[in-house]
C-alpha atoms as a PDB file:
ATOM      1  CA  UNK A   1     -10.021  20.363  22.252  1.00  0.00           C
ATOM      2  CA  UNK A   2      -6.655  18.793  21.515  1.00  0.00           C
ATOM      3  CA  UNK A   3      -5.361  16.631  18.668  1.00  0.00           C
ATOM      4  CA  UNK A   4      -4.815  12.982  19.522  1.00  0.00           C
ATOM      5  CA  UNK A   5      -3.226  10.206  17.480  1.00  0.00           C
ATOM      6  CA  UNK A   6      -5.817   7.442  17.362  1.00  0.00           C
ATOM      7  CA  UNK A   7      -4.780   3.896  16.508  1.00  0.00           C
ATOM      8  CA  UNK A   8      -6.944   2.627  13.664  1.00  0.00           C
ATOM      9  CA  UNK A   9      -5.520  -0.863  13.226  1.00  0.00           C
ATOM     10  CA  UNK A  10      -2.575  -3.192  13.664  1.00  0.00           C
ATOM     11  CA  UNK A  11      -0.878  -5.774  11.458  1.00  0.00           C
ATOM     12  CA  UNK A  12       1.972  -8.250  11.745  1.00  0.00           C
ATOM     13  CA  UNK A  13       4.141 -10.714   9.871  1.00  0.00           C
ATOM     14  CA  UNK A  14       6.396 -13.585  10.952  1.00  0.00           C
ATOM     15  CA  UNK A  15       8.675 -15.519   8.590  1.00  0.00           C
ATOM     16  CA  UNK A  16       7.621 -19.084   7.887  1.00  0.00           C
ATOM     17  CA  UNK A  17      10.726 -20.796   9.249  1.00  0.00           C
ATOM     18  CA  UNK A  18      10.610 -21.655  12.965  1.00  0.00           C
ATOM     19  CA  UNK A  19      13.788 -22.583  14.822  1.00  0.00           C
ATOM     20  CA  UNK A  20      13.248 -24.336  18.154  1.00  0.00           C
ATOM     21  CA  UNK A  21      15.603 -24.474  21.113  1.00  0.00           C
ATOM     22  CA  UNK A  22      16.162 -28.146  20.448  1.00  0.00           C
ATOM     23  CA  UNK A  23      17.360 -27.335  16.949  1.00  0.00           C
ATOM     24  CA  UNK A  24      19.863 -24.809  18.293  1.00  0.00           C
ATOM     25  CA  UNK A  25      21.043 -27.328  20.870  1.00  0.00           C
ATOM     26  CA  UNK A  26      22.291 -29.552  18.043  1.00  0.00           C
ATOM     27  CA  UNK A  27      25.066 -27.065  17.235  1.00  0.00           C
ATOM     28  CA  UNK A  28      25.464 -25.114  20.497  1.00  0.00           C
ATOM     29  CA  UNK A  29      26.390 -26.007  24.071  1.00  0.00           C
ATOM     30  CA  UNK A  30      22.872 -25.308  25.308  1.00  0.00           C
ATOM     31  CA  UNK A  31      19.501 -26.966  25.841  1.00  0.00           C
ATOM     32  CA  UNK A  32      15.812 -26.207  25.651  1.00  0.00           C
ATOM     33  CA  UNK A  33      15.634 -26.235  29.449  1.00  0.00           C
ATOM     34  CA  UNK A  34      18.601 -23.846  29.819  1.00  0.00           C
ATOM     35  CA  UNK A  35      17.120 -21.306  27.393  1.00  0.00           C
ATOM     36  CA  UNK A  36      13.573 -21.523  28.775  1.00  0.00           C
ATOM     37  CA  UNK A  37      14.622 -21.140  32.401  1.00  0.00           C
ATOM     38  CA  UNK A  38      16.672 -18.006  31.721  1.00  0.00           C
ATOM     39  CA  UNK A  39      14.555 -16.291  29.078  1.00  0.00           C
ATOM     40  CA  UNK A  40      11.168 -17.946  28.610  1.00  0.00           C
ATOM     41  CA  UNK A  41      11.969 -18.487  24.915  1.00  0.00           C
ATOM     42  CA  UNK A  42      11.165 -21.802  23.231  1.00  0.00           C
ATOM     43  CA  UNK A  43      11.341 -20.860  19.538  1.00  0.00           C
ATOM     44  CA  UNK A  44      11.920 -18.002  17.108  1.00  0.00           C
ATOM     45  CA  UNK A  45      11.099 -17.162  13.460  1.00  0.00           C
ATOM     46  CA  UNK A  46      13.972 -16.706  11.007  1.00  0.00           C
ATOM     47  CA  UNK A  47      13.719 -14.877   7.676  1.00  0.00           C
ATOM     48  CA  UNK A  48      14.291 -16.932   4.548  1.00  0.00           C
ATOM     49  CA  UNK A  49      17.291 -16.378   2.319  1.00  0.00           C
ATOM     50  CA  UNK A  50      16.589 -13.260   0.269  1.00  0.00           C
ATOM     51  CA  UNK A  51      13.734 -12.167   2.569  1.00  0.00           C
ATOM     52  CA  UNK A  52      14.562  -8.595   3.584  1.00  0.00           C
ATOM     53  CA  UNK A  53      13.453  -6.305   6.383  1.00  0.00           C
ATOM     54  CA  UNK A  54      11.431  -4.339   3.817  1.00  0.00           C
ATOM     55  CA  UNK A  55       9.586  -7.537   2.827  1.00  0.00           C
ATOM     56  CA  UNK A  56       8.598  -8.230   6.427  1.00  0.00           C
ATOM     57  CA  UNK A  57       7.570  -4.603   6.923  1.00  0.00           C
ATOM     58  CA  UNK A  58       5.501  -4.630   3.727  1.00  0.00           C
ATOM     59  CA  UNK A  59       3.526  -7.694   4.811  1.00  0.00           C
ATOM     60  CA  UNK A  60       2.767  -6.195   8.241  1.00  0.00           C
ATOM     61  CA  UNK A  61       1.848  -2.840   6.681  1.00  0.00           C
ATOM     62  CA  UNK A  62      -0.516  -4.429   4.164  1.00  0.00           C
ATOM     63  CA  UNK A  63      -2.329  -6.271   6.944  1.00  0.00           C
ATOM     64  CA  UNK A  64      -2.673  -3.062   8.983  1.00  0.00           C
ATOM     65  CA  UNK A  65      -3.978  -1.198   5.930  1.00  0.00           C
ATOM     66  CA  UNK A  66      -6.482  -3.950   5.141  1.00  0.00           C
ATOM     67  CA  UNK A  67      -7.704  -3.985   8.740  1.00  0.00           C
ATOM     68  CA  UNK A  68      -8.259  -0.218   8.574  1.00  0.00           C
ATOM     69  CA  UNK A  69      -9.900  -0.322   5.140  1.00  0.00           C
ATOM     70  CA  UNK A  70      -7.194   1.940   3.722  1.00  0.00           C
ATOM     71  CA  UNK A  71      -4.695   1.947   0.870  1.00  0.00           C
ATOM     72  CA  UNK A  72      -1.103   3.101   0.729  1.00  0.00           C
ATOM     73  CA  UNK A  73      -2.157   6.348  -0.944  1.00  0.00           C
ATOM     74  CA  UNK A  74      -4.102   7.237   2.220  1.00  0.00           C
ATOM     75  CA  UNK A  75      -0.897   7.407   4.282  1.00  0.00           C
ATOM     76  CA  UNK A  76       0.934  10.715   4.767  1.00  0.00           C
ATOM     77  CA  UNK A  77       4.093   9.397   6.406  1.00  0.00           C
ATOM     78  CA  UNK A  78       5.865   6.140   7.173  1.00  0.00           C
ATOM     79  CA  UNK A  79       8.175   5.812  10.148  1.00  0.00           C
ATOM     80  CA  UNK A  80      10.038   2.527  10.404  1.00  0.00           C
ATOM     81  CA  UNK A  81      11.841   1.452  13.547  1.00  0.00           C
ATOM     82  CA  UNK A  82      14.681  -0.901  12.633  1.00  0.00           C
ATOM     83  CA  UNK A  83      18.357  -1.560  13.297  1.00  0.00           C
ATOM     84  CA  UNK A  84      18.611  -4.059  10.441  1.00  0.00           C
ATOM     85  CA  UNK A  85      17.858  -1.972   7.340  1.00  0.00           C
ATOM     86  CA  UNK A  86      18.045  -3.440   3.846  1.00  0.00           C
ATOM     87  CA  UNK A  87      21.015  -1.183   3.090  1.00  0.00           C
ATOM     88  CA  UNK A  88      23.137   1.346   4.957  1.00  0.00           C
ATOM     89  CA  UNK A  89      21.212   3.947   2.968  1.00  0.00           C
ATOM     90  CA  UNK A  90      18.725   5.020   1.788  1.00  0.00           C
ATOM     91  CA  UNK A  91      16.158   4.509   4.520  1.00  0.00           C
ATOM     92  CA  UNK A  92      14.312   1.220   4.177  1.00  0.00           C
ATOM     93  CA  UNK A  93      11.099   3.177   4.789  1.00  0.00           C
ATOM     94  CA  UNK A  94      11.494   4.868   1.397  1.00  0.00           C
ATOM     95  CA  UNK A  95      11.516   1.493  -0.355  1.00  0.00           C
ATOM     96  CA  UNK A  96       8.383   0.612   1.575  1.00  0.00           C
ATOM     97  CA  UNK A  97       6.758   3.914   0.632  1.00  0.00           C
ATOM     98  CA  UNK A  98       7.254   3.161  -3.056  1.00  0.00           C
ATOM     99  CA  UNK A  99       5.940  -0.388  -2.783  1.00  0.00           C
ATOM    100  CA  UNK A 100       2.823   0.794  -0.936  1.00  0.00           C
ATOM    101  CA  UNK A 101       2.166   3.759  -3.202  1.00  0.00           C
ATOM    102  CA  UNK A 102       2.143   6.055  -0.167  1.00  0.00           C
ATOM    103  CA  UNK A 103       2.556   9.826  -0.319  1.00  0.00           C
ATOM    104  CA  UNK A 104       4.251  12.374   1.939  1.00  0.00           C
ATOM    105  CA  UNK A 105       7.551  11.243   3.457  1.00  0.00           C
ATOM    106  CA  UNK A 106       9.212   8.159   4.902  1.00  0.00           C
ATOM    107  CA  UNK A 107      12.135   7.654   7.244  1.00  0.00           C
ATOM    108  CA  UNK A 108      13.827   5.117   9.508  1.00  0.00           C
ATOM    109  CA  UNK A 109      14.298   5.493  13.262  1.00  0.00           C
ATOM    110  CA  UNK A 110      17.143   3.599  14.944  1.00  0.00           C
ATOM    111  CA  UNK A 111      16.815   2.965  18.677  1.00  0.00           C
ATOM    112  CA  UNK A 112      17.336  -0.827  18.600  1.00  0.00           C
ATOM    113  CA  UNK A 113      14.738  -2.596  20.779  1.00  0.00           C
ATOM    114  CA  UNK A 114      13.131   0.746  21.700  1.00  0.00           C
ATOM    115  CA  UNK A 115      12.706   1.537  18.013  1.00  0.00           C
ATOM    116  CA  UNK A 116       8.948   1.115  17.844  1.00  0.00           C
ATOM    117  CA  UNK A 117       8.312   3.352  20.855  1.00  0.00           C
ATOM    118  CA  UNK A 118      10.633   5.992  19.385  1.00  0.00           C
ATOM    119  CA  UNK A 119       8.917   5.702  15.979  1.00  0.00           C
ATOM    120  CA  UNK A 120       5.476   5.921  17.599  1.00  0.00           C
ATOM    121  CA  UNK A 121       6.483   9.058  19.509  1.00  0.00           C
ATOM    122  CA  UNK A 122       7.848  10.643  16.328  1.00  0.00           C
ATOM    123  CA  UNK A 123       4.664   9.984  14.360  1.00  0.00           C
ATOM    124  CA  UNK A 124       2.513  11.179  17.272  1.00  0.00           C
ATOM    125  CA  UNK A 125       4.357  14.488  17.360  1.00  0.00           C
ATOM    126  CA  UNK A 126       3.872  15.042  13.619  1.00  0.00           C
ATOM    127  CA  UNK A 127       0.157  14.392  14.045  1.00  0.00           C
ATOM    128  CA  UNK A 128      -0.182  16.613  17.118  1.00  0.00           C
ATOM    129  CA  UNK A 129       1.471  19.469  15.210  1.00  0.00           C
ATOM    130  CA  UNK A 130      -1.010  19.094  12.361  1.00  0.00           C
ATOM    131  CA  UNK A 131       1.671  18.206   9.816  1.00  0.00           C
ATOM    132  CA  UNK A 132       0.326  14.690   9.199  1.00  0.00           C
ATOM    133  CA  UNK A 133      -3.183  13.249   9.165  1.00  0.00           C
ATOM    134  CA  UNK A 134      -2.376   9.533   8.911  1.00  0.00           C
ATOM    135  CA  UNK A 135       0.864   7.762   9.762  1.00  0.00           C
ATOM    136  CA  UNK A 136       2.050   4.200   9.296  1.00  0.00           C
ATOM    137  CA  UNK A 137       4.372   3.177  12.141  1.00  0.00           C
ATOM    138  CA  UNK A 138       6.321  -0.063  11.815  1.00  0.00           C
ATOM    139  CA  UNK A 139       8.857  -2.075  13.742  1.00  0.00           C
ATOM    140  CA  UNK A 140      10.641  -4.599  11.509  1.00  0.00           C
ATOM    141  CA  UNK A 141      13.827  -6.611  11.947  1.00  0.00           C
ATOM    142  CA  UNK A 142      15.883  -9.356  10.347  1.00  0.00           C
ATOM    143  CA  UNK A 143      17.971  -9.629  13.482  1.00  0.00           C
ATOM    144  CA  UNK A 144      19.179 -13.080  12.503  1.00  0.00           C
ATOM    145  CA  UNK A 145      21.484 -11.375   9.964  1.00  0.00           C
ATOM    146  CA  UNK A 146      23.612  -9.756  12.692  1.00  0.00           C
ATOM    147  CA  UNK A 147      23.921 -12.764  15.015  1.00  0.00           C
ATOM    148  CA  UNK A 148      26.957 -14.912  15.595  1.00  0.00           C
ATOM    149  CA  UNK A 149      25.325 -18.348  15.466  1.00  0.00           C
ATOM    150  CA  UNK A 150      28.208 -19.847  17.456  1.00  0.00           C
ATOM    151  CA  UNK A 151      27.620 -17.512  20.425  1.00  0.00           C
ATOM    152  CA  UNK A 152      25.013 -19.099  22.690  1.00  0.00           C
ATOM    153  CA  UNK A 153      24.841 -15.967  24.851  1.00  0.00           C
ATOM    154  CA  UNK A 154      23.218 -13.969  22.038  1.00  0.00           C
ATOM    155  CA  UNK A 155      21.957 -16.097  19.153  1.00  0.00           C
ATOM    156  CA  UNK A 156      19.370 -17.965  21.254  1.00  0.00           C
ATOM    157  CA  UNK A 157      17.708 -14.698  22.260  1.00  0.00           C
ATOM    158  CA  UNK A 158      16.602 -13.155  18.983  1.00  0.00           C
ATOM    159  CA  UNK A 159      14.247 -13.656  16.045  1.00  0.00           C
ATOM    160  CA  UNK A 160      12.828 -11.898  12.982  1.00  0.00           C
ATOM    161  CA  UNK A 161       9.436 -10.294  12.363  1.00  0.00           C
ATOM    162  CA  UNK A 162       7.463  -7.104  11.760  1.00  0.00           C
ATOM    163  CA  UNK A 163       4.485  -5.304  13.251  1.00  0.00           C
ATOM    164  CA  UNK A 164       2.649  -2.157  12.190  1.00  0.00           C
ATOM    165  CA  UNK A 165      -0.019   0.273  13.345  1.00  0.00           C
ATOM    166  CA  UNK A 166      -1.873   3.059  11.569  1.00  0.00           C
ATOM    167  CA  UNK A 167      -2.432   6.340  13.390  1.00  0.00           C
ATOM    168  CA  UNK A 168      -5.010   8.966  12.439  1.00  0.00           C
ATOM    169  CA  UNK A 169      -5.555  12.458  13.807  1.00  0.00           C
ATOM    170  CA  UNK A 170      -8.618  12.846  15.997  1.00  0.00           C
ATOM    171  CA  UNK A 171      -9.929  15.218  18.645  1.00  0.00           C
ATOM    172  CA  UNK A 172      -9.943  14.801  22.402  1.00  0.00           C
ATOM    173  CA  UNK A 173     -10.558  16.818  25.542  1.00  0.00           C
ATOM    174  CA  UNK A 174      -6.983  16.532  26.693  1.00  0.00           C
ATOM    175  CA  UNK A 175      -7.635  14.192  29.611  1.00  0.00           C
ATOM    176  CA  UNK A 176      -6.902  10.546  30.388  1.00  0.00           C
ATOM    177  CA  UNK A 177     -10.210   9.406  28.933  1.00  0.00           C
ATOM    178  CA  UNK A 178      -9.332  10.509  25.389  1.00  0.00           C
ATOM    179  CA  UNK A 179      -9.001   7.846  22.710  1.00  0.00           C
ATOM    180  CA  UNK A 180      -5.509   7.675  21.220  1.00  0.00           C
ATOM    181  CA  UNK A 181      -1.947   8.199  22.377  1.00  0.00           C
ATOM    182  CA  UNK A 182      -2.038   9.963  25.737  1.00  0.00           C
ATOM    183  CA  UNK A 183       1.728  10.407  26.030  1.00  0.00           C
ATOM    184  CA  UNK A 184       5.121   9.010  25.042  1.00  0.00           C
ATOM    185  CA  UNK A 185       8.349   9.202  27.032  1.00  0.00           C
ATOM    186  CA  UNK A 186      11.828   8.666  25.554  1.00  0.00           C
ATOM    187  CA  UNK A 187      15.216   8.284  27.238  1.00  0.00           C
ATOM    188  CA  UNK A 188      18.809   7.332  26.439  1.00  0.00           C
ATOM    189  CA  UNK A 189      22.162   7.023  28.174  1.00  0.00           C
ATOM    190  CA  UNK A 190      25.215   6.618  25.951  1.00  0.00           C
ATOM    191  CA  UNK A 191      27.444   5.780  28.911  1.00  0.00           C
ATOM    192  CA  UNK A 192      26.343   2.168  28.405  1.00  0.00           C
ATOM    193  CA  UNK A 193      27.020   2.112  24.662  1.00  0.00           C
ATOM    194  CA  UNK A 194      29.214  -1.005  24.800  1.00  0.00           C
ATOM    195  CA  UNK A 195      26.919  -3.068  27.034  1.00  0.00           C
ATOM    196  CA  UNK A 196      24.814  -3.966  23.987  1.00  0.00           C
ATOM    197  CA  UNK A 197      26.137  -3.191  20.523  1.00  0.00           C
ATOM    198  CA  UNK A 198      27.159  -4.572  17.129  1.00  0.00           C
ATOM    199  CA  UNK A 199      30.920  -4.787  16.582  1.00  0.00           C
ATOM    200  CA  UNK A 200      30.787  -3.461  13.036  1.00  0.00           C
ATOM    201  CA  UNK A 201      29.603  -0.584  10.896  1.00  0.00           C
ATOM    202  CA  UNK A 202      30.433   1.470   7.797  1.00  0.00           C
ATOM    203  CA  UNK A 203      32.607   3.965   9.665  1.00  0.00           C
ATOM    204  CA  UNK A 204      34.208   1.657  12.236  1.00  0.00           C
ATOM    205  CA  UNK A 205      34.997  -1.558  10.378  1.00  0.00           C
ATOM    206  CA  UNK A 206      33.315  -1.374   6.956  1.00  0.00           C
ATOM    207  CA  UNK A 207      31.506  -4.612   7.911  1.00  0.00           C
ATOM    208  CA  UNK A 208      28.093  -5.448   9.311  1.00  0.00           C
ATOM    209  CA  UNK A 209      29.373  -7.063  12.501  1.00  0.00           C
ATOM    210  CA  UNK A 210      27.635  -9.177  15.133  1.00  0.00           C
ATOM    211  CA  UNK A 211      25.677  -8.517  18.309  1.00  0.00           C
ATOM    212  CA  UNK A 212      27.722  -8.300  21.524  1.00  0.00           C
ATOM    213  CA  UNK A 213      26.007  -8.097  24.888  1.00  0.00           C
ATOM    214  CA  UNK A 214      26.776  -7.952  28.578  1.00  0.00           C
ATOM    215  CA  UNK A 215      23.624  -9.807  29.528  1.00  0.00           C
ATOM    216  CA  UNK A 216      23.870  -9.333  33.281  1.00  0.00           C
ATOM    217  CA  UNK A 217      24.239  -5.551  33.022  1.00  0.00           C
ATOM    218  CA  UNK A 218      21.525  -5.217  30.374  1.00  0.00           C
ATOM    219  CA  UNK A 219      19.112  -7.144  32.606  1.00  0.00           C
ATOM    220  CA  UNK A 220      19.959  -5.011  35.645  1.00  0.00           C
ATOM    221  CA  UNK A 221      19.481  -1.721  33.828  1.00  0.00           C
ATOM    222  CA  UNK A 222      16.323  -2.935  32.085  1.00  0.00           C
ATOM    223  CA  UNK A 223      14.532  -3.643  35.347  1.00  0.00           C
ATOM    224  CA  UNK A 224      15.373  -0.186  36.725  1.00  0.00           C
ATOM    225  CA  UNK A 225      14.861   1.840  33.539  1.00  0.00           C
ATOM    226  CA  UNK A 226      11.617   0.189  32.476  1.00  0.00           C
ATOM    227  CA  UNK A 227      10.137   0.644  35.934  1.00  0.00           C
ATOM    228  CA  UNK A 228      11.011   4.349  35.747  1.00  0.00           C
ATOM    229  CA  UNK A 229       9.496   4.646  32.246  1.00  0.00           C
ATOM    230  CA  UNK A 230       6.268   3.078  33.486  1.00  0.00           C
ATOM    231  CA  UNK A 231       6.101   5.401  36.484  1.00  0.00           C
ATOM    232  CA  UNK A 232       6.619   8.568  34.422  1.00  0.00           C
ATOM    233  CA  UNK A 233       3.868   7.570  31.967  1.00  0.00           C
ATOM    234  CA  UNK A 234       1.365   6.948  34.761  1.00  0.00           C
ATOM    235  CA  UNK A 235       2.328  10.135  36.611  1.00  0.00           C
ATOM    236  CA  UNK A 236       2.133  12.314  33.484  1.00  0.00           C
ATOM    237  CA  UNK A 237      -1.470  11.250  32.902  1.00  0.00           C
ATOM    238  CA  UNK A 238      -2.616  11.091  36.550  1.00  0.00           C
ATOM    239  CA  UNK A 239      -3.351   7.418  36.143  1.00  0.00           C
ATOM    240  CA  UNK A 240      -3.119   4.721  38.782  1.00  0.00           C
ATOM    241  CA  UNK A 241      -1.586   1.346  37.996  1.00  0.00           C
ATOM    242  CA  UNK A 242      -4.960  -0.253  38.615  1.00  0.00           C
ATOM    243  CA  UNK A 243      -6.410   1.645  35.635  1.00  0.00           C
ATOM    244  CA  UNK A 244      -4.110  -0.061  33.110  1.00  0.00           C
ATOM    245  CA  UNK A 245      -5.928  -2.799  31.185  1.00  0.00           C
ATOM    246  CA  UNK A 246      -2.980  -4.213  29.258  1.00  0.00           C
ATOM    247  CA  UNK A 247       0.780  -4.213  29.448  1.00  0.00           C
ATOM    248  CA  UNK A 248       2.349  -4.720  26.010  1.00  0.00           C
ATOM    249  CA  UNK A 249       6.065  -4.878  26.796  1.00  0.00           C
ATOM    250  CA  UNK A 250       9.177  -5.372  24.772  1.00  0.00           C
ATOM    251  CA  UNK A 251       9.596  -9.134  24.509  1.00  0.00           C
ATOM    252  CA  UNK A 252      13.196  -9.660  25.613  1.00  0.00           C
ATOM    253  CA  UNK A 253      13.014 -11.807  28.713  1.00  0.00           C
ATOM    254  CA  UNK A 254      10.075 -13.373  30.547  1.00  0.00           C
ATOM    255  CA  UNK A 255      11.521 -12.487  33.955  1.00  0.00           C
ATOM    256  CA  UNK A 256      11.665  -8.791  33.047  1.00  0.00           C
ATOM    257  CA  UNK A 257       8.093  -8.893  31.735  1.00  0.00           C
ATOM    258  CA  UNK A 258       6.881 -10.567  34.925  1.00  0.00           C
ATOM    259  CA  UNK A 259       8.687  -7.944  37.005  1.00  0.00           C
ATOM    260  CA  UNK A 260       6.941  -5.088  35.183  1.00  0.00           C
ATOM    261  CA  UNK A 261       3.563  -6.824  35.448  1.00  0.00           C
ATOM    262  CA  UNK A 262       4.090  -7.260  39.180  1.00  0.00           C
ATOM    263  CA  UNK A 263       4.913  -3.563  39.489  1.00  0.00           C
ATOM    264  CA  UNK A 264       1.559  -2.718  37.903  1.00  0.00           C
ATOM    265  CA  UNK A 265      -0.210  -5.377  40.007  1.00  0.00           C
ATOM    266  CA  UNK A 266      -1.504  -6.939  36.785  1.00  0.00           C
ATOM    267  CA  UNK A 267      -2.528 -10.566  36.663  1.00  0.00           C
ATOM    268  CA  UNK A 268      -0.513 -12.659  34.211  1.00  0.00           C
ATOM    269  CA  UNK A 269      -3.349 -12.707  31.688  1.00  0.00           C
ATOM    270  CA  UNK A 270      -3.236  -8.875  31.432  1.00  0.00           C
ATOM    271  CA  UNK A 271       0.293  -8.833  30.017  1.00  0.00           C
ATOM    272  CA  UNK A 272       0.595  -9.679  26.329  1.00  0.00           C
ATOM    273  CA  UNK A 273       3.383 -12.246  26.135  1.00  0.00           C
ATOM    274  CA  UNK A 274       4.872 -13.547  22.887  1.00  0.00           C
ATOM    275  CA  UNK A 275       8.530 -13.962  23.882  1.00  0.00           C
ATOM    276  CA  UNK A 276       8.075 -17.740  24.153  1.00  0.00           C
ATOM    277  CA  UNK A 277       7.143 -17.985  20.463  1.00  0.00           C
ATOM    278  CA  UNK A 278       8.829 -14.952  18.884  1.00  0.00           C
ATOM    279  CA  UNK A 279      11.953 -14.483  21.055  1.00  0.00           C
ATOM    280  CA  UNK A 280      13.347 -10.935  21.022  1.00  0.00           C
ATOM    281  CA  UNK A 281      12.503  -9.325  17.676  1.00  0.00           C
ATOM    282  CA  UNK A 282      13.941  -5.955  18.733  1.00  0.00           C
ATOM    283  CA  UNK A 283      11.887  -3.042  17.319  1.00  0.00           C
ATOM    284  CA  UNK A 284       9.273  -5.497  16.033  1.00  0.00           C
ATOM    285  CA  UNK A 285       8.492  -7.090  19.388  1.00  0.00           C
ATOM    286  CA  UNK A 286       5.939  -4.586  20.736  1.00  0.00           C
ATOM    287  CA  UNK A 287       3.938  -4.155  17.498  1.00  0.00           C
ATOM    288  CA  UNK A 288       3.939  -7.937  16.954  1.00  0.00           C
ATOM    289  CA  UNK A 289       2.509  -8.497  20.427  1.00  0.00           C
ATOM    290  CA  UNK A 290       0.121  -5.570  20.046  1.00  0.00           C
ATOM    291  CA  UNK A 291      -1.218  -6.795  16.695  1.00  0.00           C
ATOM    292  CA  UNK A 292      -1.756 -10.282  18.099  1.00  0.00           C
ATOM    293  CA  UNK A 293      -3.775  -9.013  21.078  1.00  0.00           C
ATOM    294  CA  UNK A 294      -5.782  -6.536  18.986  1.00  0.00           C
ATOM    295  CA  UNK A 295      -6.597  -8.935  16.189  1.00  0.00           C
ATOM    296  CA  UNK A 296      -7.566 -11.827  18.479  1.00  0.00           C
ATOM    297  CA  UNK A 297      -9.948  -9.534  20.373  1.00  0.00           C
ATOM    298  CA  UNK A 298      -8.191  -9.233  23.713  1.00  0.00           C
ATOM    299  CA  UNK A 299      -7.548  -5.501  23.396  1.00  0.00           C
ATOM    300  CA  UNK A 300     -10.859  -3.707  22.926  1.00  0.00           C
ATOM    301  CA  UNK A 301     -11.785  -0.096  22.201  1.00  0.00           C
ATOM    302  CA  UNK A 302     -11.527   1.948  25.365  1.00  0.00           C
ATOM    303  CA  UNK A 303      -8.856  -0.239  26.941  1.00  0.00           C
ATOM    304  CA  UNK A 304      -5.810   1.498  28.388  1.00  0.00           C
ATOM    305  CA  UNK A 305      -2.606   0.014  26.955  1.00  0.00           C
ATOM    306  CA  UNK A 306       0.874   0.613  28.351  1.00  0.00           C
ATOM    307  CA  UNK A 307       3.914  -0.142  26.181  1.00  0.00           C
ATOM    308  CA  UNK A 308       7.543  -0.087  27.313  1.00  0.00           C
ATOM    309  CA  UNK A 309      10.903  -1.075  25.833  1.00  0.00           C
ATOM    310  CA  UNK A 310      14.641  -0.843  26.334  1.00  0.00           C
ATOM    311  CA  UNK A 311      17.413  -1.349  23.811  1.00  0.00           C
ATOM    312  CA  UNK A 312      21.067  -0.801  23.029  1.00  0.00           C
ATOM    313  CA  UNK A 313      22.441   2.668  23.529  1.00  0.00           C
ATOM    314  CA  UNK A 314      20.986   2.398  26.137  1.00  0.00           C
ATOM    315  CA  UNK A 315      17.619   3.664  24.920  1.00  0.00           C
ATOM    316  CA  UNK A 316      14.308   3.153  26.663  1.00  0.00           C
ATOM    317  CA  UNK A 317      10.805   4.553  26.673  1.00  0.00           C
ATOM    318  CA  UNK A 318       7.103   4.115  27.251  1.00  0.00           C
ATOM    319  CA  UNK A 319       3.811   4.958  25.592  1.00  0.00           C
ATOM    320  CA  UNK A 320       0.323   5.093  27.070  1.00  0.00           C
ATOM    321  CA  UNK A 321      -2.543   4.608  24.643  1.00  0.00           C
ATOM    322  CA  UNK A 322      -6.319   4.557  25.041  1.00  0.00           C
ATOM    323  CA  UNK A 323      -7.366   2.081  22.354  1.00  0.00           C
END
């Protein structure tokens, strides 16, 4: 028998304010049609003034806990994927730990849009080693705080939100039919550091800075890297593409999502798509989409779920989970 990280529940939170493409078009040289055709995005949620990443994460975590019938004290570790922490330090996860009344330890993971996959892999390894029984894994972002709202090439792409899952140690046979996380696969390539980055930071400029992106290059690398991440996950578990029930991808661009779905030969209704309503919420995008599909009943126990993401760094990765 082997130890598997089983997913008990999922939760999510989106700020109340919705900003449509038409609203952005009032101040930018853009249009709803231009944004939709290139990205698939029609709106995004924006955090209210004073609403912090920790607030979004707390709301998503509380929903995940409620759905699992657990309390904060039942959690042994919290791993938060974010690139928009409340403060430079300490880790935003520690603030969340206190507010939830959780025990054990808490830490942030920074891999930009791949943050949730990296956080999930980290928690899974703690569970597999027997160091943790239950883990709360969150992706949460207030990405709107690092956008230049005069730059139409970036500000139309992103939004705010948070998603969370609770993992619990369980036993499996060690094959592809086990319930829980079957495998995770993480990658990075710092040669492309300046293709997608924020032009600020405590050491570099002593400012927060704004997102800068070479969109064409990011798109090109995303298609190649995500395809490779999918292939390695399937190969590692001796699984054919036809065995995957759901693709839950990073929600950056509808054309990239469609490309990955085509690679898996999945019909459109087997890919969980929220990019039209959420835009790119970075580390929050996968858990937001996952929570939506789990809580509305689309993803059922026994379903095989494939997650993949790519972010600045470049970082990218995949996770294969038997729900």
